[in-house]
């Protein structure tokens, strides 16, 4: 396994800055991992992506995952968490995690010692290599964004490795903020009703389904209303709540406001 300590970024390269900006509108969304895979994973020829948040004590691990096709990454991630493979994942144990910049690691399928881990999480999807970008958060938790390359893509080349280095810090900044937006808040139960009281019953229903990551078509089918009506109700809800996008809605329901990526 190759490991590269990451230094705090002084200024993001143009390509990284553009990709970071593209991620901003997706912070806090249920499908954030899909956005990470399509925007960042494209530079690494990744077919799957996972975002793992290991607790400060190391005894639990939250998962978000996405695949270019199908649901393989999520199913493999569920198997990973249920089997407790995160307790022995070398990406979480790298000494460079003590540095503020985090760490970039490259690990091949054959470098994973557990045969069960290889079978459940790699072999079923034809994965040959993982590119992991990880950092320790202020509370001691560790967040790792993993990109999985299939055997058909071959080993990671120098150009892709340079792209990974360039993208690492902007990606970590986005994932840190996304993790905070998705984290449950103790004061959320008291703050939500006051905001919710401004909305009609149908506006609340649409907003709740938006937070779950449903598309306008899916919401329309669930509530038996037209897509145009869904969009109208969503915009009314946003106006009444004083917000402009879905990430702010998620933040509001978590008892906090979304902040800019560079805050």
C-alpha atoms as a PDB file:
ATOM      1  CA  UNK A   1       0.000   0.000   0.000  1.00  0.00           C
ATOM      2  CA  UNK A   2       1.331   3.423  -0.939  1.00  0.00           C
ATOM      3  CA  UNK A   3       0.650   6.342   1.387  1.00  0.00           C
ATOM      4  CA  UNK A   4       1.071  10.076   0.747  1.00  0.00           C
ATOM      5  CA  UNK A   5       0.694  12.619   3.584  1.00  0.00           C
ATOM      6  CA  UNK A   6      -1.310  15.639   2.464  1.00  0.00           C
ATOM      7  CA  UNK A   7      -0.265  19.147   3.362  1.00  0.00           C
ATOM      8  CA  UNK A   8      -2.703  21.979   3.974  1.00  0.00           C
ATOM      9  CA  UNK A   9      -3.504  23.550   0.614  1.00  0.00           C
ATOM     10  CA  UNK A  10      -2.217  27.054  -0.078  1.00  0.00           C
ATOM     11  CA  UNK A  11      -4.308  27.403  -3.220  1.00  0.00           C
ATOM     12  CA  UNK A  12      -6.284  24.891  -5.236  1.00  0.00           C
ATOM     13  CA  UNK A  13      -5.280  24.251  -8.857  1.00  0.00           C
ATOM     14  CA  UNK A  14      -7.820  25.469 -11.393  1.00  0.00           C
ATOM     15  CA  UNK A  15      -9.264  22.023 -12.052  1.00  0.00           C
ATOM     16  CA  UNK A  16      -9.648  21.352  -8.323  1.00  0.00           C
ATOM     17  CA  UNK A  17     -11.255  24.731  -7.667  1.00  0.00           C
ATOM     18  CA  UNK A  18     -13.797  24.128 -10.424  1.00  0.00           C
ATOM     19  CA  UNK A  19     -14.683  20.684  -9.112  1.00  0.00           C
ATOM     20  CA  UNK A  20     -14.946  21.964  -5.543  1.00  0.00           C
ATOM     21  CA  UNK A  21     -17.343  24.652  -6.701  1.00  0.00           C
ATOM     22  CA  UNK A  22     -19.422  21.998  -8.468  1.00  0.00           C
ATOM     23  CA  UNK A  23     -19.758  20.073  -5.191  1.00  0.00           C
ATOM     24  CA  UNK A  24     -21.026  23.033  -3.160  1.00  0.00           C
ATOM     25  CA  UNK A  25     -24.645  22.753  -4.288  1.00  0.00           C
ATOM     26  CA  UNK A  26     -24.709  19.090  -3.278  1.00  0.00           C
ATOM     27  CA  UNK A  27     -23.483  19.458   0.316  1.00  0.00           C
ATOM     28  CA  UNK A  28     -25.860  17.779   2.751  1.00  0.00           C
ATOM     29  CA  UNK A  29     -27.797  15.937   0.051  1.00  0.00           C
ATOM     30  CA  UNK A  30     -28.699  12.273   0.412  1.00  0.00           C
ATOM     31  CA  UNK A  31     -27.084  11.571  -2.981  1.00  0.00           C
ATOM     32  CA  UNK A  32     -23.863  13.452  -2.224  1.00  0.00           C
ATOM     33  CA  UNK A  33     -21.760  10.335  -2.877  1.00  0.00           C
ATOM     34  CA  UNK A  34     -23.146  10.164  -6.418  1.00  0.00           C
ATOM     35  CA  UNK A  35     -22.029  13.755  -6.987  1.00  0.00           C
ATOM     36  CA  UNK A  36     -18.559  12.988  -5.631  1.00  0.00           C
ATOM     37  CA  UNK A  37     -18.270   9.964  -7.919  1.00  0.00           C
ATOM     38  CA  UNK A  38     -19.383  11.815 -11.042  1.00  0.00           C
ATOM     39  CA  UNK A  39     -17.352  14.985 -10.392  1.00  0.00           C
ATOM     40  CA  UNK A  40     -14.185  13.744  -8.665  1.00  0.00           C
ATOM     41  CA  UNK A  41     -14.207  10.057  -9.563  1.00  0.00           C
ATOM     42  CA  UNK A  42     -14.173  10.891 -13.262  1.00  0.00           C
ATOM     43  CA  UNK A  43     -10.542  12.042 -12.938  1.00  0.00           C
ATOM     44  CA  UNK A  44      -9.599   8.685 -11.401  1.00  0.00           C
ATOM     45  CA  UNK A  45     -11.545   6.351 -13.719  1.00  0.00           C
ATOM     46  CA  UNK A  46     -13.469   5.166 -10.662  1.00  0.00           C
ATOM     47  CA  UNK A  47     -16.534   2.950 -11.024  1.00  0.00           C
ATOM     48  CA  UNK A  48     -17.610   3.135  -7.381  1.00  0.00           C
ATOM     49  CA  UNK A  49     -17.278   5.481  -4.431  1.00  0.00           C
ATOM     50  CA  UNK A  50     -17.864   5.339  -0.690  1.00  0.00           C
ATOM     51  CA  UNK A  51     -17.719   7.901   2.093  1.00  0.00           C
ATOM     52  CA  UNK A  52     -16.972   6.317   5.460  1.00  0.00           C
ATOM     53  CA  UNK A  53     -17.197   8.161   8.771  1.00  0.00           C
ATOM     54  CA  UNK A  54     -15.654   6.197  11.623  1.00  0.00           C
ATOM     55  CA  UNK A  55     -16.586   7.313  15.125  1.00  0.00           C
ATOM     56  CA  UNK A  56     -13.940   8.759  17.497  1.00  0.00           C
ATOM     57  CA  UNK A  57     -14.006   5.523  19.489  1.00  0.00           C
ATOM     58  CA  UNK A  58     -13.676   3.473  16.312  1.00  0.00           C
ATOM     59  CA  UNK A  59     -16.672   1.309  17.209  1.00  0.00           C
ATOM     60  CA  UNK A  60     -19.161   2.494  14.573  1.00  0.00           C
ATOM     61  CA  UNK A  61     -18.929   3.511  10.939  1.00  0.00           C
ATOM     62  CA  UNK A  62     -21.451   5.487   8.867  1.00  0.00           C
ATOM     63  CA  UNK A  63     -21.663   4.841   5.141  1.00  0.00           C
ATOM     64  CA  UNK A  64     -22.619   6.652   1.952  1.00  0.00           C
ATOM     65  CA  UNK A  65     -21.927   4.996  -1.396  1.00  0.00           C
ATOM     66  CA  UNK A  66     -22.519   5.261  -5.123  1.00  0.00           C
ATOM     67  CA  UNK A  67     -21.847   3.328  -8.318  1.00  0.00           C
ATOM     68  CA  UNK A  68     -21.826   4.424 -11.933  1.00  0.00           C
ATOM     69  CA  UNK A  69     -24.215   1.555 -12.599  1.00  0.00           C
ATOM     70  CA  UNK A  70     -26.365  -0.420 -10.201  1.00  0.00           C
ATOM     71  CA  UNK A  71     -26.176  -0.497  -6.413  1.00  0.00           C
ATOM     72  CA  UNK A  72     -23.003  -2.520  -5.931  1.00  0.00           C
ATOM     73  CA  UNK A  73     -21.053   0.032  -3.891  1.00  0.00           C
ATOM     74  CA  UNK A  74     -23.827   0.445  -1.343  1.00  0.00           C
ATOM     75  CA  UNK A  75     -24.295  -3.314  -0.952  1.00  0.00           C
ATOM     76  CA  UNK A  76     -20.548  -3.848  -0.589  1.00  0.00           C
ATOM     77  CA  UNK A  77     -20.391  -0.971   1.890  1.00  0.00           C
ATOM     78  CA  UNK A  78     -23.171  -2.454   3.993  1.00  0.00           C
ATOM     79  CA  UNK A  79     -21.273  -5.753   4.080  1.00  0.00           C
ATOM     80  CA  UNK A  80     -18.085  -3.864   5.033  1.00  0.00           C
ATOM     81  CA  UNK A  81     -19.786  -2.127   7.967  1.00  0.00           C
ATOM     82  CA  UNK A  82     -21.712  -5.170   9.201  1.00  0.00           C
ATOM     83  CA  UNK A  83     -18.578  -7.319   9.162  1.00  0.00           C
ATOM     84  CA  UNK A  84     -16.608  -4.651  11.031  1.00  0.00           C
ATOM     85  CA  UNK A  85     -13.864  -4.487   8.403  1.00  0.00           C
ATOM     86  CA  UNK A  86     -13.370  -0.798   9.245  1.00  0.00           C
ATOM     87  CA  UNK A  87     -11.766  -1.853  12.537  1.00  0.00           C
ATOM     88  CA  UNK A  88      -8.802  -3.242  10.573  1.00  0.00           C
ATOM     89  CA  UNK A  89      -8.823  -0.898   7.581  1.00  0.00           C
ATOM     90  CA  UNK A  90      -5.296   0.428   7.092  1.00  0.00           C
ATOM     91  CA  UNK A  91      -6.624   3.712   5.704  1.00  0.00           C
ATOM     92  CA  UNK A  92      -7.965   4.499   9.180  1.00  0.00           C
ATOM     93  CA  UNK A  93      -4.711   3.534  10.903  1.00  0.00           C
ATOM     94  CA  UNK A  94      -2.210   5.537   8.857  1.00  0.00           C
ATOM     95  CA  UNK A  95       0.012   7.659  11.157  1.00  0.00           C
ATOM     96  CA  UNK A  96      -0.245  10.568   8.711  1.00  0.00           C
ATOM     97  CA  UNK A  97      -3.848  11.067   9.847  1.00  0.00           C
ATOM     98  CA  UNK A  98      -2.449  12.956  12.824  1.00  0.00           C
ATOM     99  CA  UNK A  99      -1.466  15.700  10.380  1.00  0.00           C
ATOM    100  CA  UNK A 100      -4.019  18.380   9.581  1.00  0.00           C
ATOM    101  CA  UNK A 101      -3.732  17.721   5.873  1.00  0.00           C
ATOM    102  CA  UNK A 102      -4.828  14.082   5.970  1.00  0.00           C
ATOM    103  CA  UNK A 103      -3.533  11.233   3.845  1.00  0.00           C
ATOM    104  CA  UNK A 104      -3.930   9.771   0.360  1.00  0.00           C
ATOM    105  CA  UNK A 105      -3.505   5.997   0.126  1.00  0.00           C
ATOM    106  CA  UNK A 106      -3.466   3.545  -2.769  1.00  0.00           C
ATOM    107  CA  UNK A 107      -4.323  -0.045  -1.933  1.00  0.00           C
ATOM    108  CA  UNK A 108      -4.704  -2.977  -4.308  1.00  0.00           C
ATOM    109  CA  UNK A 109      -7.148  -5.805  -3.853  1.00  0.00           C
ATOM    110  CA  UNK A 110      -4.276  -8.240  -3.166  1.00  0.00           C
ATOM    111  CA  UNK A 111      -2.972  -6.069  -0.307  1.00  0.00           C
ATOM    112  CA  UNK A 112      -6.118  -6.723   1.733  1.00  0.00           C
ATOM    113  CA  UNK A 113      -5.314  -9.528   4.167  1.00  0.00           C
ATOM    114  CA  UNK A 114      -8.883 -10.664   4.885  1.00  0.00           C
ATOM    115  CA  UNK A 115     -10.234 -13.085   2.277  1.00  0.00           C
ATOM    116  CA  UNK A 116     -13.790 -12.281   3.381  1.00  0.00           C
ATOM    117  CA  UNK A 117     -13.143  -8.572   2.856  1.00  0.00           C
ATOM    118  CA  UNK A 118     -11.776  -9.231  -0.621  1.00  0.00           C
ATOM    119  CA  UNK A 119     -14.668 -11.494  -1.561  1.00  0.00           C
ATOM    120  CA  UNK A 120     -17.528  -9.360  -0.224  1.00  0.00           C
ATOM    121  CA  UNK A 121     -16.279  -5.906  -1.143  1.00  0.00           C
ATOM    122  CA  UNK A 122     -13.888  -6.302  -4.069  1.00  0.00           C
ATOM    123  CA  UNK A 123     -14.295  -9.524  -6.027  1.00  0.00           C
ATOM    124  CA  UNK A 124     -18.047  -9.224  -6.519  1.00  0.00           C
ATOM    125  CA  UNK A 125     -17.565  -5.872  -8.234  1.00  0.00           C
ATOM    126  CA  UNK A 126     -14.326  -6.663 -10.043  1.00  0.00           C
ATOM    127  CA  UNK A 127     -12.459  -4.002  -8.042  1.00  0.00           C
ATOM    128  CA  UNK A 128      -8.670  -4.056  -8.284  1.00  0.00           C
ATOM    129  CA  UNK A 129      -7.611  -0.850  -6.523  1.00  0.00           C
ATOM    130  CA  UNK A 130      -8.839   1.684  -3.984  1.00  0.00           C
ATOM    131  CA  UNK A 131      -7.840   5.334  -3.871  1.00  0.00           C
ATOM    132  CA  UNK A 132      -8.585   6.687  -0.393  1.00  0.00           C
ATOM    133  CA  UNK A 133      -8.489  10.302   0.797  1.00  0.00           C
ATOM    134  CA  UNK A 134      -8.887  10.482   4.567  1.00  0.00           C
ATOM    135  CA  UNK A 135      -8.609  12.986   7.398  1.00  0.00           C
ATOM    136  CA  UNK A 136      -9.270  13.197  11.106  1.00  0.00           C
ATOM    137  CA  UNK A 137     -12.062  15.570  12.146  1.00  0.00           C
ATOM    138  CA  UNK A 138     -12.020  17.926  15.119  1.00  0.00           C
ATOM    139  CA  UNK A 139     -13.965  15.482  17.304  1.00  0.00           C
ATOM    140  CA  UNK A 140     -11.555  12.619  16.589  1.00  0.00           C
ATOM    141  CA  UNK A 141     -13.728  10.887  14.004  1.00  0.00           C
ATOM    142  CA  UNK A 142     -12.088   9.888  10.720  1.00  0.00           C
ATOM    143  CA  UNK A 143     -13.711  10.458   7.354  1.00  0.00           C
ATOM    144  CA  UNK A 144     -12.449   8.602   4.292  1.00  0.00           C
ATOM    145  CA  UNK A 145     -13.627   9.094   0.734  1.00  0.00           C
ATOM    146  CA  UNK A 146     -12.787   6.023  -1.315  1.00  0.00           C
ATOM    147  CA  UNK A 147     -12.712   5.619  -5.082  1.00  0.00           C
ATOM    148  CA  UNK A 148     -12.710   2.091  -6.459  1.00  0.00           C
ATOM    149  CA  UNK A 149     -11.145   1.223  -9.799  1.00  0.00           C
ATOM    150  CA  UNK A 150     -12.055  -1.981 -11.601  1.00  0.00           C
ATOM    151  CA  UNK A 151      -9.455  -4.339 -13.044  1.00  0.00           C
ATOM    152  CA  UNK A 152     -10.412  -3.248 -16.553  1.00  0.00           C
ATOM    153  CA  UNK A 153      -9.107   0.264 -15.779  1.00  0.00           C
ATOM    154  CA  UNK A 154      -5.620  -0.976 -14.921  1.00  0.00           C
ATOM    155  CA  UNK A 155      -3.436   0.511 -12.158  1.00  0.00           C
ATOM    156  CA  UNK A 156      -3.615   4.209 -11.347  1.00  0.00           C
ATOM    157  CA  UNK A 157      -1.283   6.139 -13.651  1.00  0.00           C
ATOM    158  CA  UNK A 158       0.906   9.102 -12.767  1.00  0.00           C
ATOM    159  CA  UNK A 159      -1.473  11.604 -14.386  1.00  0.00           C
ATOM    160  CA  UNK A 160      -4.407  10.300 -12.339  1.00  0.00           C
ATOM    161  CA  UNK A 161      -2.246  10.275  -9.201  1.00  0.00           C
ATOM    162  CA  UNK A 162      -1.383  13.935  -9.762  1.00  0.00           C
ATOM    163  CA  UNK A 163      -5.093  14.668 -10.175  1.00  0.00           C
ATOM    164  CA  UNK A 164      -5.820  12.875  -6.898  1.00  0.00           C
ATOM    165  CA  UNK A 165      -3.252  15.027  -5.085  1.00  0.00           C
ATOM    166  CA  UNK A 166      -4.678  18.202  -6.622  1.00  0.00           C
ATOM    167  CA  UNK A 167      -8.251  17.282  -5.726  1.00  0.00           C
ATOM    168  CA  UNK A 168      -7.594  15.910  -2.234  1.00  0.00           C
ATOM    169  CA  UNK A 169      -7.785  19.092  -0.139  1.00  0.00           C
ATOM    170  CA  UNK A 170     -10.853  20.632  -1.850  1.00  0.00           C
ATOM    171  CA  UNK A 171     -12.579  17.253  -1.601  1.00  0.00           C
ATOM    172  CA  UNK A 172     -11.723  16.905   2.092  1.00  0.00           C
ATOM    173  CA  UNK A 173     -13.087  20.395   2.771  1.00  0.00           C
ATOM    174  CA  UNK A 174     -16.354  19.504   1.047  1.00  0.00           C
ATOM    175  CA  UNK A 175     -16.695  16.131   2.768  1.00  0.00           C
ATOM    176  CA  UNK A 176     -15.980  17.668   6.191  1.00  0.00           C
ATOM    177  CA  UNK A 177     -18.796  20.178   5.707  1.00  0.00           C
ATOM    178  CA  UNK A 178     -21.107  17.537   4.276  1.00  0.00           C
ATOM    179  CA  UNK A 179     -20.471  15.332   7.320  1.00  0.00           C
ATOM    180  CA  UNK A 180     -21.374  18.190   9.653  1.00  0.00           C
ATOM    181  CA  UNK A 181     -24.569  18.898   7.708  1.00  0.00           C
ATOM    182  CA  UNK A 182     -25.618  15.253   7.831  1.00  0.00           C
ATOM    183  CA  UNK A 183     -24.779  14.772  11.512  1.00  0.00           C
ATOM    184  CA  UNK A 184     -27.797  14.658  13.867  1.00  0.00           C
ATOM    185  CA  UNK A 185     -28.096  17.640  16.157  1.00  0.00           C
ATOM    186  CA  UNK A 186     -29.348  17.557  19.729  1.00  0.00           C
ATOM    187  CA  UNK A 187     -31.328  20.770  19.233  1.00  0.00           C
ATOM    188  CA  UNK A 188     -32.949  19.697  15.952  1.00  0.00           C
ATOM    189  CA  UNK A 189     -36.160  18.510  17.620  1.00  0.00           C
ATOM    190  CA  UNK A 190     -36.784  21.928  19.152  1.00  0.00           C
ATOM    191  CA  UNK A 191     -35.766  24.013  16.140  1.00  0.00           C
ATOM    192  CA  UNK A 192     -37.674  22.203  13.397  1.00  0.00           C
ATOM    193  CA  UNK A 193     -41.308  22.707  14.560  1.00  0.00           C
ATOM    194  CA  UNK A 194     -40.998  26.511  14.597  1.00  0.00           C
ATOM    195  CA  UNK A 195     -39.727  26.489  11.024  1.00  0.00           C
ATOM    196  CA  UNK A 196     -42.189  23.831   9.915  1.00  0.00           C
ATOM    197  CA  UNK A 197     -45.141  25.895  11.179  1.00  0.00           C
ATOM    198  CA  UNK A 198     -44.607  28.289   8.279  1.00  0.00           C
ATOM    199  CA  UNK A 199     -45.330  25.579   5.716  1.00  0.00           C
ATOM    200  CA  UNK A 200     -48.572  24.083   4.490  1.00  0.00           C
ATOM    201  CA  UNK A 201     -49.107  20.349   4.854  1.00  0.00           C
ATOM    202  CA  UNK A 202     -48.237  19.686   1.204  1.00  0.00           C
ATOM    203  CA  UNK A 203     -45.175  21.951   1.358  1.00  0.00           C
ATOM    204  CA  UNK A 204     -43.931  20.002   4.383  1.00  0.00           C
ATOM    205  CA  UNK A 205     -44.506  16.693   2.595  1.00  0.00           C
ATOM    206  CA  UNK A 206     -42.542  17.847  -0.448  1.00  0.00           C
ATOM    207  CA  UNK A 207     -39.709  19.249   1.695  1.00  0.00           C
ATOM    208  CA  UNK A 208     -39.415  16.030   3.695  1.00  0.00           C
ATOM    209  CA  UNK A 209     -39.169  13.948   0.525  1.00  0.00           C
ATOM    210  CA  UNK A 210     -36.579  16.362  -0.902  1.00  0.00           C
ATOM    211  CA  UNK A 211     -34.397  15.824   2.165  1.00  0.00           C
ATOM    212  CA  UNK A 212     -34.620  12.066   1.607  1.00  0.00           C
ATOM    213  CA  UNK A 213     -33.114  12.584  -1.835  1.00  0.00           C
ATOM    214  CA  UNK A 214     -36.255  11.950  -3.899  1.00  0.00           C
ATOM    215  CA  UNK A 215     -36.457  13.486  -7.361  1.00  0.00           C
ATOM    216  CA  UNK A 216     -39.361  15.682  -8.454  1.00  0.00           C
ATOM    217  CA  UNK A 217     -40.807  12.750 -10.413  1.00  0.00           C
ATOM    218  CA  UNK A 218     -40.548  10.434  -7.403  1.00  0.00           C
ATOM    219  CA  UNK A 219     -42.200  13.020  -5.158  1.00  0.00           C
ATOM    220  CA  UNK A 220     -44.953  13.525  -7.708  1.00  0.00           C
ATOM    221  CA  UNK A 221     -45.688   9.802  -7.796  1.00  0.00           C
ATOM    222  CA  UNK A 222     -45.606   9.520  -4.004  1.00  0.00           C
ATOM    223  CA  UNK A 223     -47.999  12.445  -3.460  1.00  0.00           C
ATOM    224  CA  UNK A 224     -50.021  11.924  -6.667  1.00  0.00           C
ATOM    225  CA  UNK A 225     -49.327  15.422  -7.969  1.00  0.00           C
ATOM    226  CA  UNK A 226     -47.739  16.818 -11.131  1.00  0.00           C
ATOM    227  CA  UNK A 227     -44.006  17.518 -11.323  1.00  0.00           C
ATOM    228  CA  UNK A 228     -44.753  21.203 -11.946  1.00  0.00           C
ATOM    229  CA  UNK A 229     -46.765  21.257  -8.717  1.00  0.00           C
ATOM    230  CA  UNK A 230     -43.879  19.611  -6.868  1.00  0.00           C
ATOM    231  CA  UNK A 231     -41.488  22.314  -8.056  1.00  0.00           C
ATOM    232  CA  UNK A 232     -43.944  25.067  -7.130  1.00  0.00           C
ATOM    233  CA  UNK A 233     -44.461  23.670  -3.623  1.00  0.00           C
ATOM    234  CA  UNK A 234     -40.710  23.248  -3.154  1.00  0.00           C
ATOM    235  CA  UNK A 235     -40.020  26.852  -4.139  1.00  0.00           C
ATOM    236  CA  UNK A 236     -42.775  28.096  -1.820  1.00  0.00           C
ATOM    237  CA  UNK A 237     -41.250  26.101   1.034  1.00  0.00           C
ATOM    238  CA  UNK A 238     -37.805  27.503   0.299  1.00  0.00           C
ATOM    239  CA  UNK A 239     -39.160  31.069   0.248  1.00  0.00           C
ATOM    240  CA  UNK A 240     -40.998  30.653   3.553  1.00  0.00           C
ATOM    241  CA  UNK A 241     -37.922  29.152   5.192  1.00  0.00           C
ATOM    242  CA  UNK A 242     -35.594  31.784   3.757  1.00  0.00           C
ATOM    243  CA  UNK A 243     -33.391  29.301   1.917  1.00  0.00           C
ATOM    244  CA  UNK A 244     -32.413  28.732  -1.717  1.00  0.00           C
ATOM    245  CA  UNK A 245     -31.208  25.155  -2.105  1.00  0.00           C
ATOM    246  CA  UNK A 246     -31.564  21.634  -0.785  1.00  0.00           C
ATOM    247  CA  UNK A 247     -28.338  21.611   1.224  1.00  0.00           C
ATOM    248  CA  UNK A 248     -29.679  24.546   3.250  1.00  0.00           C
ATOM    249  CA  UNK A 249     -32.905  22.624   3.867  1.00  0.00           C
ATOM    250  CA  UNK A 250     -30.922  19.672   5.228  1.00  0.00           C
ATOM    251  CA  UNK A 251     -28.884  22.059   7.375  1.00  0.00           C
ATOM    252  CA  UNK A 252     -32.042  23.699   8.711  1.00  0.00           C
ATOM    253  CA  UNK A 253     -33.491  20.349   9.725  1.00  0.00           C
ATOM    254  CA  UNK A 254     -30.204  19.565  11.459  1.00  0.00           C
ATOM    255  CA  UNK A 255     -30.483  22.729  13.525  1.00  0.00           C
ATOM    256  CA  UNK A 256     -27.764  24.614  11.677  1.00  0.00           C
ATOM    257  CA  UNK A 257     -27.195  26.729   8.557  1.00  0.00           C
ATOM    258  CA  UNK A 258     -25.033  25.671   5.623  1.00  0.00           C
ATOM    259  CA  UNK A 259     -21.770  27.590   5.402  1.00  0.00           C
ATOM    260  CA  UNK A 260     -19.655  28.408   2.337  1.00  0.00           C
ATOM    261  CA  UNK A 261     -17.066  25.821   1.313  1.00  0.00           C
ATOM    262  CA  UNK A 262     -14.172  28.093   2.210  1.00  0.00           C
ATOM    263  CA  UNK A 263     -15.519  29.185   5.599  1.00  0.00           C
END
